[in-house]
PDB file of N, CA and C in Angstrom:
ATOM      1  N   MET A   1      57.426 -21.625-111.098  1.00  0.00           N
ATOM      2  CA  MET A   1      55.985 -21.526-110.983  1.00  0.00           C
ATOM      3  C   MET A   1      55.574 -20.129-111.419  1.00  0.00           C
ATOM      4  N   LYS A   2      54.502 -20.067-112.156  1.00  0.00           N
ATOM      5  CA  LYS A   2      53.991 -18.794-112.632  1.00  0.00           C
ATOM      6  C   LYS A   2      52.960 -18.247-111.644  1.00  0.00           C
ATOM      7  N   LEU A   3      52.676 -16.971-111.776  1.00  0.00           N
ATOM      8  CA  LEU A   3      51.756 -16.295-110.867  1.00  0.00           C
ATOM      9  C   LEU A   3      50.395 -16.975-110.823  1.00  0.00           C
ATOM     10  N   ASN A   4      49.827 -17.340-111.959  1.00  0.00           N
ATOM     11  CA  ASN A   4      48.499 -17.961-111.953  1.00  0.00           C
ATOM     12  C   ASN A   4      48.515 -19.338-111.301  1.00  0.00           C
ATOM     13  N   GLU A   5      49.611 -20.075-111.444  1.00  0.00           N
ATOM     14  CA  GLU A   5      49.736 -21.372-110.782  1.00  0.00           C
ATOM     15  C   GLU A   5      49.833 -21.193-109.267  1.00  0.00           C
ATOM     16  N   ALA A   6      50.586 -20.213-108.837  1.00  0.00           N
ATOM     17  CA  ALA A   6      50.706 -19.923-107.404  1.00  0.00           C
ATOM     18  C   ALA A   6      49.354 -19.492-106.832  1.00  0.00           C
ATOM     19  N   SER A   7      48.632 -18.675-107.579  1.00  0.00           N
ATOM     20  CA  SER A   7      47.305 -18.229-107.131  1.00  0.00           C
ATOM     21  C   SER A   7      46.366 -19.409-106.965  1.00  0.00           C
ATOM     22  N   THR A   8      46.409 -20.347-107.896  1.00  0.00           N
ATOM     23  CA  THR A   8      45.564 -21.541-107.815  1.00  0.00           C
ATOM     24  C   THR A   8      45.917 -22.373-106.588  1.00  0.00           C
ATOM     25  N   ALA A   9      47.212 -22.568-106.352  1.00  0.00           N
ATOM     26  CA  ALA A   9      47.653 -23.356-105.195  1.00  0.00           C
ATOM     27  C   ALA A   9      47.264 -22.674-103.888  1.00  0.00           C
ATOM     28  N   LEU A  10      47.467 -21.378-103.815  1.00  0.00           N
ATOM     29  CA  LEU A  10      47.120 -20.657-102.588  1.00  0.00           C
ATOM     30  C   LEU A  10      45.608 -20.640-102.363  1.00  0.00           C
ATOM     31  N   ALA A  11      44.841 -20.533-103.438  1.00  0.00           N
ATOM     32  CA  ALA A  11      43.381 -20.573-103.310  1.00  0.00           C
ATOM     33  C   ALA A  11      42.929 -21.934-102.799  1.00  0.00           C
ATOM     34  N   ALA A  12      43.588 -22.991-103.258  1.00  0.00           N
ATOM     35  CA  ALA A  12      43.245 -24.334-102.779  1.00  0.00           C
ATOM     36  C   ALA A  12      43.523 -24.464-101.288  1.00  0.00           C
ATOM     37  N   LEU A  13      44.602 -23.884-100.828  1.00  0.00           N
ATOM     38  CA  LEU A  13      44.970 -23.977 -99.405  1.00  0.00           C
ATOM     39  C   LEU A  13      44.198 -22.996 -98.526  1.00  0.00           C
ATOM     40  N   ALA A  14      43.490 -22.066 -99.132  1.00  0.00           N
ATOM     41  CA  ALA A  14      42.772 -21.042 -98.369  1.00  0.00           C
ATOM     42  C   ALA A  14      41.475 -21.564 -97.760  1.00  0.00           C
ATOM     43  N   GLN A  15      41.127 -22.802 -98.021  1.00  0.00           N
ATOM     44  CA  GLN A  15      39.922 -23.403 -97.461  1.00  0.00           C
ATOM     45  C   GLN A  15      40.360 -24.354 -96.341  1.00  0.00           C
ATOM     46  N   SER A  16      39.726 -24.263 -95.185  1.00  0.00           N
ATOM     47  CA  SER A  16      40.223 -24.965 -93.995  1.00  0.00           C
ATOM     48  C   SER A  16      40.263 -26.485 -94.146  1.00  0.00           C
ATOM     49  N   SER A  17      39.271 -27.100 -94.754  1.00  0.00           N
ATOM     50  CA  SER A  17      39.300 -28.562 -94.918  1.00  0.00           C
ATOM     51  C   SER A  17      40.438 -28.986 -95.833  1.00  0.00           C
ATOM     52  N   ARG A  18      40.648 -28.241 -96.908  1.00  0.00           N
ATOM     53  CA  ARG A  18      41.743 -28.581 -97.813  1.00  0.00           C
ATOM     54  C   ARG A  18      43.089 -28.380 -97.140  1.00  0.00           C
ATOM     55  N   LEU A  19      43.214 -27.349 -96.331  1.00  0.00           N
ATOM     56  CA  LEU A  19      44.462 -27.130 -95.604  1.00  0.00           C
ATOM     57  C   LEU A  19      44.709 -28.279 -94.626  1.00  0.00           C
ATOM     58  N   GLU A  20      43.658 -28.764 -93.969  1.00  0.00           N
ATOM     59  CA  GLU A  20      43.795 -29.920 -93.072  1.00  0.00           C
ATOM     60  C   GLU A  20      44.246 -31.156 -93.835  1.00  0.00           C
ATOM     61  N   VAL A  21      43.653 -31.407 -95.001  1.00  0.00           N
ATOM     62  CA  VAL A  21      44.035 -32.552 -95.826  1.00  0.00           C
ATOM     63  C   VAL A  21      45.497 -32.426 -96.233  1.00  0.00           C
ATOM     64  N   PHE A  22      45.876 -31.248 -96.697  1.00  0.00           N
ATOM     65  CA  PHE A  22      47.250 -31.019 -97.129  1.00  0.00           C
ATOM     66  C   PHE A  22      48.229 -31.285 -95.982  1.00  0.00           C
ATOM     67  N   LYS A  23      47.950 -30.730 -94.815  1.00  0.00           N
ATOM     68  CA  LYS A  23      48.845 -30.924 -93.663  1.00  0.00           C
ATOM     69  C   LYS A  23      48.926 -32.393 -93.262  1.00  0.00           C
ATOM     70  N   LEU A  24      47.802 -33.110 -93.329  1.00  0.00           N
ATOM     71  CA  LEU A  24      47.799 -34.531 -93.002  1.00  0.00           C
ATOM     72  C   LEU A  24      48.678 -35.300 -93.983  1.00  0.00           C
ATOM     73  N   LEU A  25      48.567 -34.978 -95.264  1.00  0.00           N
ATOM     74  CA  LEU A  25      49.381 -35.677 -96.258  1.00  0.00           C
ATOM     75  C   LEU A  25      50.856 -35.301 -96.156  1.00  0.00           C
ATOM     76  N   VAL A  26      51.168 -34.097 -95.718  1.00  0.00           N
ATOM     77  CA  VAL A  26      52.561 -33.727 -95.456  1.00  0.00           C
ATOM     78  C   VAL A  26      53.129 -34.650 -94.376  1.00  0.00           C
ATOM     79  N   LYS A  27      52.357 -34.884 -93.331  1.00  0.00           N
ATOM     80  CA  LYS A  27      52.815 -35.753 -92.233  1.00  0.00           C
ATOM     81  C   LYS A  27      53.003 -37.196 -92.694  1.00  0.00           C
ATOM     82  N   GLN A  28      52.188 -37.642 -93.650  1.00  0.00           N
ATOM     83  CA  GLN A  28      52.246 -39.033 -94.110  1.00  0.00           C
ATOM     84  C   GLN A  28      53.438 -39.306 -95.004  1.00  0.00           C
ATOM     85  N   GLY A  29      53.960 -38.275 -95.629  1.00  0.00           N
ATOM     86  CA  GLY A  29      55.111 -38.461 -96.506  1.00  0.00           C
ATOM     87  C   GLY A  29      54.770 -39.287 -97.731  1.00  0.00           C
ATOM     88  N   GLU A  30      55.718 -40.103 -98.171  1.00  0.00           N
ATOM     89  CA  GLU A  30      55.575 -40.864 -99.406  1.00  0.00           C
ATOM     90  C   GLU A  30      54.492 -41.930 -99.341  1.00  0.00           C
ATOM     91  N   ASP A  31      54.155 -42.390 -98.158  1.00  0.00           N
ATOM     92  CA  ASP A  31      53.163 -43.463 -98.028  1.00  0.00           C
ATOM     93  C   ASP A  31      51.774 -43.004 -98.436  1.00  0.00           C
ATOM     94  N   GLY A  32      51.428 -41.781 -98.117  1.00  0.00           N
ATOM     95  CA  GLY A  32      50.112 -41.262 -98.439  1.00  0.00           C
ATOM     96  C   GLY A  32      49.008 -41.966 -97.668  1.00  0.00           C
ATOM     97  N   LEU A  33      47.778 -41.662 -98.030  1.00  0.00           N
ATOM     98  CA  LEU A  33      46.601 -42.249 -97.379  1.00  0.00           C
ATOM     99  C   LEU A  33      45.500 -42.446 -98.403  1.00  0.00           C
ATOM    100  N   SER A  34      44.654 -43.415 -98.133  1.00  0.00           N
ATOM    101  CA  SER A  34      43.481 -43.598 -98.984  1.00  0.00           C
ATOM    102  C   SER A  34      42.457 -42.519 -98.646  1.00  0.00           C
ATOM    103  N   ALA A  35      41.550 -42.285 -99.577  1.00  0.00           N
ATOM    104  CA  ALA A  35      40.494 -41.299 -99.336  1.00  0.00           C
ATOM    105  C   ALA A  35      39.675 -41.683 -98.109  1.00  0.00           C
ATOM    106  N   GLY A  36      39.421 -42.970 -97.932  1.00  0.00           N
ATOM    107  CA  GLY A  36      38.669 -43.427 -96.766  1.00  0.00           C
ATOM    108  C   GLY A  36      39.372 -43.116 -95.455  1.00  0.00           C
ATOM    109  N   ASP A  37      40.689 -43.322 -95.435  1.00  0.00           N
ATOM    110  CA  ASP A  37      41.459 -43.016 -94.227  1.00  0.00           C
ATOM    111  C   ASP A  37      41.476 -41.511 -93.940  1.00  0.00           C
ATOM    112  N   ILE A  38      41.611 -40.717 -94.998  1.00  0.00           N
ATOM    113  CA  ILE A  38      41.589 -39.258 -94.814  1.00  0.00           C
ATOM    114  C   ILE A  38      40.240 -38.831 -94.263  1.00  0.00           C
ATOM    115  N   SER A  39      39.174 -39.365 -94.845  1.00  0.00           N
ATOM    116  CA  SER A  39      37.818 -39.041 -94.406  1.00  0.00           C
ATOM    117  C   SER A  39      37.628 -39.382 -92.928  1.00  0.00           C
ATOM    118  N   GLN A  40      38.081 -40.556 -92.555  1.00  0.00           N
ATOM    119  CA  GLN A  40      37.928 -41.014 -91.168  1.00  0.00           C
ATOM    120  C   GLN A  40      38.761 -40.174 -90.204  1.00  0.00           C
ATOM    121  N   GLN A  41      39.998 -39.899 -90.543  1.00  0.00           N
ATOM    122  CA  GLN A  41      40.873 -39.153 -89.636  1.00  0.00           C
ATOM    123  C   GLN A  41      40.438 -37.705 -89.447  1.00  0.00           C
ATOM    124  N   LEU A  42      39.897 -37.095 -90.509  1.00  0.00           N
ATOM    125  CA  LEU A  42      39.536 -35.682 -90.424  1.00  0.00           C
ATOM    126  C   LEU A  42      38.041 -35.458 -90.224  1.00  0.00           C
ATOM    127  N   GLY A  43      37.254 -36.518 -90.313  1.00  0.00           N
ATOM    128  CA  GLY A  43      35.813 -36.378 -90.127  1.00  0.00           C
ATOM    129  C   GLY A  43      35.136 -35.614 -91.251  1.00  0.00           C
ATOM    130  N   ILE A  44      35.667 -35.737 -92.452  1.00  0.00           N
ATOM    131  CA  ILE A  44      35.094 -35.070 -93.618  1.00  0.00           C
ATOM    132  C   ILE A  44      34.296 -36.110 -94.400  1.00  0.00           C
ATOM    133  N   PRO A  45      33.023 -35.853 -94.681  1.00  0.00           N
ATOM    134  CA  PRO A  45      32.229 -36.815 -95.462  1.00  0.00           C
ATOM    135  C   PRO A  45      32.888 -37.099 -96.815  1.00  0.00           C
ATOM    136  N   LYS A  46      32.793 -38.337 -97.270  1.00  0.00           N
ATOM    137  CA  LYS A  46      33.483 -38.749 -98.496  1.00  0.00           C
ATOM    138  C   LYS A  46      33.118 -37.915 -99.726  1.00  0.00           C
ATOM    139  N   PRO A  47      31.840 -37.589 -99.967  1.00  0.00           N
ATOM    140  CA  PRO A  47      31.557 -36.757-101.150  1.00  0.00           C
ATOM    141  C   PRO A  47      32.204 -35.374-101.071  1.00  0.00           C
ATOM    142  N   THR A  48      32.223 -34.791 -99.882  1.00  0.00           N
ATOM    143  CA  THR A  48      32.858 -33.485 -99.690  1.00  0.00           C
ATOM    144  C   THR A  48      34.368 -33.610 -99.852  1.00  0.00           C
ATOM    145  N   LEU A  49      34.932 -34.664 -99.290  1.00  0.00           N
ATOM    146  CA  LEU A  49      36.375 -34.894 -99.391  1.00  0.00           C
ATOM    147  C   LEU A  49      36.796 -35.063-100.844  1.00  0.00           C
ATOM    148  N   SER A  50      35.999 -35.758-101.616  1.00  0.00           N
ATOM    149  CA  SER A  50      36.311 -35.961-103.026  1.00  0.00           C
ATOM    150  C   SER A  50      36.496 -34.626-103.744  1.00  0.00           C
ATOM    151  N   PHE A  51      35.628 -33.678-103.466  1.00  0.00           N
ATOM    152  CA  PHE A  51      35.739 -32.348-104.059  1.00  0.00           C
ATOM    153  C   PHE A  51      37.045 -31.678-103.637  1.00  0.00           C
ATOM    154  N   HIS A  52      37.360 -31.743-102.348  1.00  0.00           N
ATOM    155  CA  HIS A  52      38.581 -31.106-101.845  1.00  0.00           C
ATOM    156  C   HIS A  52      39.842 -31.764-102.426  1.00  0.00           C
ATOM    157  N   LEU A  53      39.844 -33.081-102.540  1.00  0.00           N
ATOM    158  CA  LEU A  53      40.990 -33.781-103.118  1.00  0.00           C
ATOM    159  C   LEU A  53      41.184 -33.383-104.581  1.00  0.00           C
ATOM    160  N   LYS A  54      40.095 -33.218-105.305  1.00  0.00           N
ATOM    161  CA  LYS A  54      40.171 -32.787-106.703  1.00  0.00           C
ATOM    162  C   LYS A  54      40.797 -31.397-106.805  1.00  0.00           C
ATOM    163  N   GLU A  55      40.397 -30.490-105.920  1.00  0.00           N
ATOM    164  CA  GLU A  55      40.937 -29.127-105.939  1.00  0.00           C
ATOM    165  C   GLU A  55      42.443 -29.119-105.638  1.00  0.00           C
ATOM    166  N   LEU A  56      42.857 -29.893-104.653  1.00  0.00           N
ATOM    167  CA  LEU A  56      44.278 -29.961-104.301  1.00  0.00           C
ATOM    168  C   LEU A  56      45.104 -30.614-105.407  1.00  0.00           C
ATOM    169  N   THR A  57      44.517 -31.603-106.067  1.00  0.00           N
ATOM    170  CA  THR A  57      45.199 -32.264-107.179  1.00  0.00           C
ATOM    171  C   THR A  57      45.351 -31.305-108.350  1.00  0.00           C
ATOM    172  N   GLN A  58      44.283 -30.597-108.696  1.00  0.00           N
ATOM    173  CA  GLN A  58      44.348 -29.651-109.807  1.00  0.00           C
ATOM    174  C   GLN A  58      45.314 -28.501-109.519  1.00  0.00           C
ATOM    175  N   ALA A  59      45.505 -28.189-108.245  1.00  0.00           N
ATOM    176  CA  ALA A  59      46.448 -27.134-107.859  1.00  0.00           C
ATOM    177  C   ALA A  59      47.892 -27.632-107.864  1.00  0.00           C
ATOM    178  N   GLY A  60      48.092 -28.929-108.089  1.00  0.00           N
ATOM    179  CA  GLY A  60      49.442 -29.485-108.150  1.00  0.00           C
ATOM    180  C   GLY A  60      50.078 -29.718-106.794  1.00  0.00           C
ATOM    181  N   LEU A  61      49.250 -29.766-105.741  1.00  0.00           N
ATOM    182  CA  LEU A  61      49.797 -29.928-104.388  1.00  0.00           C
ATOM    183  C   LEU A  61      49.780 -31.370-103.903  1.00  0.00           C
ATOM    184  N   ILE A  62      48.879 -32.179-104.458  1.00  0.00           N
ATOM    185  CA  ILE A  62      48.846 -33.595-104.119  1.00  0.00           C
ATOM    186  C   ILE A  62      48.720 -34.392-105.412  1.00  0.00           C
ATOM    187  N   SER A  63      48.996 -35.676-105.316  1.00  0.00           N
ATOM    188  CA  SER A  63      48.833 -36.576-106.453  1.00  0.00           C
ATOM    189  C   SER A  63      48.145 -37.839-105.949  1.00  0.00           C
ATOM    190  N   SER A  64      47.708 -38.660-106.885  1.00  0.00           N
ATOM    191  CA  SER A  64      47.028 -39.890-106.504  1.00  0.00           C
ATOM    192  C   SER A  64      47.494 -41.036-107.374  1.00  0.00           C
ATOM    193  N   GLN A  65      47.364 -42.225-106.825  1.00  0.00           N
ATOM    194  CA  GLN A  65      47.659 -43.430-107.599  1.00  0.00           C
ATOM    195  C   GLN A  65      46.745 -44.540-107.117  1.00  0.00           C
ATOM    196  N   ARG A  66      46.319 -45.349-108.050  1.00  0.00           N
ATOM    197  CA  ARG A  66      45.428 -46.459-107.718  1.00  0.00           C
ATOM    198  C   ARG A  66      46.238 -47.591-107.114  1.00  0.00           C
ATOM    199  N   ASN A  67      45.699 -48.163-106.044  1.00  0.00           N
ATOM    200  CA  ASN A  67      46.301 -49.315-105.382  1.00  0.00           C
ATOM    201  C   ASN A  67      45.170 -50.315-105.164  1.00  0.00           C
ATOM    202  N   GLY A  68      44.975 -51.206-106.131  1.00  0.00           N
ATOM    203  CA  GLY A  68      43.846 -52.134-106.059  1.00  0.00           C
ATOM    204  C   GLY A  68      42.550 -51.359-106.227  1.00  0.00           C
ATOM    205  N   ARG A  69      41.656 -51.477-105.244  1.00  0.00           N
ATOM    206  CA  ARG A  69      40.384 -50.761-105.291  1.00  0.00           C
ATOM    207  C   ARG A  69      40.466 -49.381-104.653  1.00  0.00           C
ATOM    208  N   SER A  70      41.574 -49.080-104.028  1.00  0.00           N
ATOM    209  CA  SER A  70      41.735 -47.803-103.337  1.00  0.00           C
ATOM    210  C   SER A  70      42.539 -46.820-104.186  1.00  0.00           C
ATOM    211  N   ILE A  71      42.319 -45.560-103.919  1.00  0.00           N
ATOM    212  CA  ILE A  71      43.155 -44.513-104.487  1.00  0.00           C
ATOM    213  C   ILE A  71      43.936 -43.908-103.332  1.00  0.00           C
ATOM    214  N   ILE A  72      45.241 -43.906-103.470  1.00  0.00           N
ATOM    215  CA  ILE A  72      46.122 -43.382-102.429  1.00  0.00           C
ATOM    216  C   ILE A  72      46.524 -41.960-102.822  1.00  0.00           C
ATOM    217  N   TYR A  73      46.325 -41.035-101.911  1.00  0.00           N
ATOM    218  CA  TYR A  73      46.684 -39.632-102.127  1.00  0.00           C
ATOM    219  C   TYR A  73      47.966 -39.335-101.379  1.00  0.00           C
ATOM    220  N   GLN A  74      48.863 -38.621-102.060  1.00  0.00           N
ATOM    221  CA  GLN A  74      50.169 -38.289-101.490  1.00  0.00           C
ATOM    222  C   GLN A  74      50.486 -36.829-101.749  1.00  0.00           C
ATOM    223  N   LEU A  75      51.337 -36.297-100.924  1.00  0.00           N
ATOM    224  CA  LEU A  75      51.869 -34.965-101.143  1.00  0.00           C
ATOM    225  C   LEU A  75      52.646 -34.955-102.452  1.00  0.00           C
ATOM    226  N   HIS A  76      52.421 -33.969-103.290  1.00  0.00           N
ATOM    227  CA  HIS A  76      53.215 -33.789-104.513  1.00  0.00           C
ATOM    228  C   HIS A  76      54.357 -32.850-104.126  1.00  0.00           C
ATOM    229  N   ILE A  77      55.456 -33.431-103.751  1.00  0.00           N
ATOM    230  CA  ILE A  77      56.578 -32.681-103.181  1.00  0.00           C
ATOM    231  C   ILE A  77      57.078 -31.603-104.133  1.00  0.00           C
ATOM    232  N   ALA A  78      57.174 -31.920-105.410  1.00  0.00           N
ATOM    233  CA  ALA A  78      57.655 -30.919-106.374  1.00  0.00           C
ATOM    234  C   ALA A  78      56.706 -29.728-106.432  1.00  0.00           C
ATOM    235  N   GLY A  79      55.407 -29.973-106.347  1.00  0.00           N
ATOM    236  CA  GLY A  79      54.436 -28.883-106.362  1.00  0.00           C
ATOM    237  C   GLY A  79      54.549 -27.999-105.132  1.00  0.00           C
ATOM    238  N   MET A  80      54.708 -28.633-103.973  1.00  0.00           N
ATOM    239  CA  MET A  80      54.863 -27.870-102.734  1.00  0.00           C
ATOM    240  C   MET A  80      56.158 -27.058-102.761  1.00  0.00           C
ATOM    241  N   ASN A  81      57.242 -27.696-103.197  1.00  0.00           N
ATOM    242  CA  ASN A  81      58.526 -26.988-103.262  1.00  0.00           C
ATOM    243  C   ASN A  81      58.479 -25.829-104.244  1.00  0.00           C
ATOM    244  N   SER A  82      57.794 -26.028-105.347  1.00  0.00           N
ATOM    245  CA  SER A  82      57.672 -24.971-106.339  1.00  0.00           C
ATOM    246  C   SER A  82      56.919 -23.775-105.761  1.00  0.00           C
ATOM    247  N   LEU A  83      55.861 -24.041-105.017  1.00  0.00           N
ATOM    248  CA  LEU A  83      55.105 -22.958-104.385  1.00  0.00           C
ATOM    249  C   LEU A  83      55.964 -22.239-103.349  1.00  0.00           C
ATOM    250  N   MET A  84      56.685 -22.990-102.527  1.00  0.00           N
ATOM    251  CA  MET A  84      57.535 -22.371-101.509  1.00  0.00           C
ATOM    252  C   MET A  84      58.634 -21.523-102.150  1.00  0.00           C
ATOM    253  N   THR A  85      59.213 -22.012-103.229  1.00  0.00           N
ATOM    254  CA  THR A  85      60.243 -21.251-103.940  1.00  0.00           C
ATOM    255  C   THR A  85      59.653 -19.969-104.506  1.00  0.00           C
ATOM    256  N   PHE A  86      58.467 -20.075-105.111  1.00  0.00           N
ATOM    257  CA  PHE A  86      57.806 -18.896-105.659  1.00  0.00           C
ATOM    258  C   PHE A  86      57.584 -17.843-104.577  1.00  0.00           C
ATOM    259  N   LEU A  87      57.142 -18.287-103.407  1.00  0.00           N
ATOM    260  CA  LEU A  87      56.824 -17.353-102.321  1.00  0.00           C
ATOM    261  C   LEU A  87      58.055 -16.698-101.712  1.00  0.00           C
ATOM    262  N   THR A  88      59.183 -17.370-101.789  1.00  0.00           N
ATOM    263  CA  THR A  88      60.372 -16.854-101.096  1.00  0.00           C
ATOM    264  C   THR A  88      61.509 -16.441-102.024  1.00  0.00           C
ATOM    265  N   GLU A  89      61.308 -16.501-103.347  1.00  0.00           N
ATOM    266  CA  GLU A  89      62.423 -16.234-104.248  1.00  0.00           C
ATOM    267  C   GLU A  89      62.968 -14.808-104.142  1.00  0.00           C
ATOM    268  N   ASP A  90      62.147 -13.869-103.788  1.00  0.00           N
ATOM    269  CA  ASP A  90      62.612 -12.485-103.638  1.00  0.00           C
ATOM    270  C   ASP A  90      62.649 -12.080-102.162  1.00  0.00           C
ATOM    271  N   CYS A  91      62.856 -13.051-101.321  1.00  0.00           N
ATOM    272  CA  CYS A  91      62.721 -12.871 -99.883  1.00  0.00           C
ATOM    273  C   CYS A  91      63.699 -11.849 -99.314  1.00  0.00           C
ATOM    274  N   CYS A  92      63.168 -10.954 -98.565  1.00  0.00           N
ATOM    275  CA  CYS A  92      63.954 -10.037 -97.734  1.00  0.00           C
ATOM    276  C   CYS A  92      65.042  -9.308 -98.515  1.00  0.00           C
ATOM    277  N   GLN A  93      64.703  -8.874 -99.706  1.00  0.00           N
ATOM    278  CA  GLN A  93      65.607  -8.068-100.537  1.00  0.00           C
ATOM    279  C   GLN A  93      66.968  -8.737-100.719  1.00  0.00           C
ATOM    280  N   GLY A  94      66.926 -10.009-101.086  1.00  0.00           N
ATOM    281  CA  GLY A  94      68.169 -10.714-101.373  1.00  0.00           C
ATOM    282  C   GLY A  94      68.863 -11.289-100.161  1.00  0.00           C
ATOM    283  N   ARG A  95      68.229 -11.284 -99.013  1.00  0.00           N
ATOM    284  CA  ARG A  95      68.808 -11.863 -97.800  1.00  0.00           C
ATOM    285  C   ARG A  95      67.964 -13.046 -97.359  1.00  0.00           C
ATOM    286  N   PRO A  96      68.042 -14.179 -98.078  1.00  0.00           N
ATOM    287  CA  PRO A  96      67.160 -15.313 -97.805  1.00  0.00           C
ATOM    288  C   PRO A  96      67.319 -15.901 -96.404  1.00  0.00           C
ATOM    289  N   GLU A  97      68.449 -15.667 -95.775  1.00  0.00           N
ATOM    290  CA  GLU A  97      68.625 -16.197 -94.414  1.00  0.00           C
ATOM    291  C   GLU A  97      67.606 -15.611 -93.446  1.00  0.00           C
ATOM    292  N   LEU A  98      67.086 -14.427 -93.754  1.00  0.00           N
ATOM    293  CA  LEU A  98      66.060 -13.818 -92.904  1.00  0.00           C
ATOM    294  C   LEU A  98      64.714 -14.515 -93.031  1.00  0.00           C
ATOM    295  N   CYS A  99      64.520 -15.235 -94.143  1.00  0.00           N
ATOM    296  CA  CYS A  99      63.254 -15.921 -94.394  1.00  0.00           C
ATOM    297  C   CYS A  99      63.290 -17.373 -93.959  1.00  0.00           C
ATOM    298  N   ALA A 100      64.433 -17.868 -93.527  1.00  0.00           N
ATOM    299  CA  ALA A 100      64.538 -19.257 -93.143  1.00  0.00           C
ATOM    300  C   ALA A 100      63.588 -19.557 -91.989  1.00  0.00           C
ATOM    301  N   PRO A 101      62.949 -20.728 -92.029  1.00  0.00           N
ATOM    302  CA  PRO A 101      62.047 -21.071 -90.935  1.00  0.00           C
ATOM    303  C   PRO A 101      62.791 -21.128 -89.600  1.00  0.00           C
ATOM    304  N   GLN A 102      62.139 -20.657 -88.599  1.00  0.00           N
ATOM    305  CA  GLN A 102      62.716 -20.716 -87.257  1.00  0.00           C
ATOM    306  C   GLN A 102      62.527 -22.138 -86.728  1.00  0.00           C
ATOM    307  N   THR A 103      63.573 -22.719 -86.213  1.00  0.00           N
ATOM    308  CA  THR A 103      63.466 -24.080 -85.683  1.00  0.00           C
ATOM    309  C   THR A 103      62.855 -24.038 -84.291  1.00  0.00           C
ATOM    310  N   ARG A 104      62.078 -25.050 -84.049  1.00  0.00           N
ATOM    311  CA  ARG A 104      61.454 -25.157 -82.728  1.00  0.00           C
ATOM    312  C   ARG A 104      62.248 -26.154 -81.903  1.00  0.00           C
ATOM    313  N   CYS A 105      62.386 -25.818 -80.693  1.00  0.00           N
ATOM    314  CA  CYS A 105      63.125 -26.710 -79.811  1.00  0.00           C
ATOM    315  C   CYS A 105      62.227 -27.230 -78.707  1.00  0.00           C
ATOM    316  N   CYS A 106      62.329 -28.449 -78.466  1.00  0.00           N
ATOM    317  CA  CYS A 106      61.733 -29.135 -77.315  1.00  0.00           C
ATOM    318  C   CYS A 106      60.283 -28.848 -77.203  1.00  0.00           C
TER     319      CYS A 106
END
C-alpha cells in the first residue's frame, strides 16, 4: 500500500459513522449485510449511509455485490490487511512482537 492509499483509508475511518459501519462489517465476516440492514442496525438514514458506504468502498476497505434487488456490503479483507501491514511494517524498530495485539481474556 502506498502512502496516499493509506491516507485515503485512514481518512475514511476518521469519521465516526464510517468507523461504525466498518466495525459492523468486520463482525459480519464474509456474509456481509445489505445497506438496509446496516441502516437499521446503526440508525443511519439510508441517503447518509449511501455516502459513507461509497467512501469506504473507494478507500478499498469494503466491497459490494448485488444479490437480487439488494446490494450486500462486505469487509474487503485484502484492503484491511494491506492497511494494517502498512501501519506496522516498520513497527518498533524491527521488533514486530512489540506491536502484536494484546489478547483479551475473559
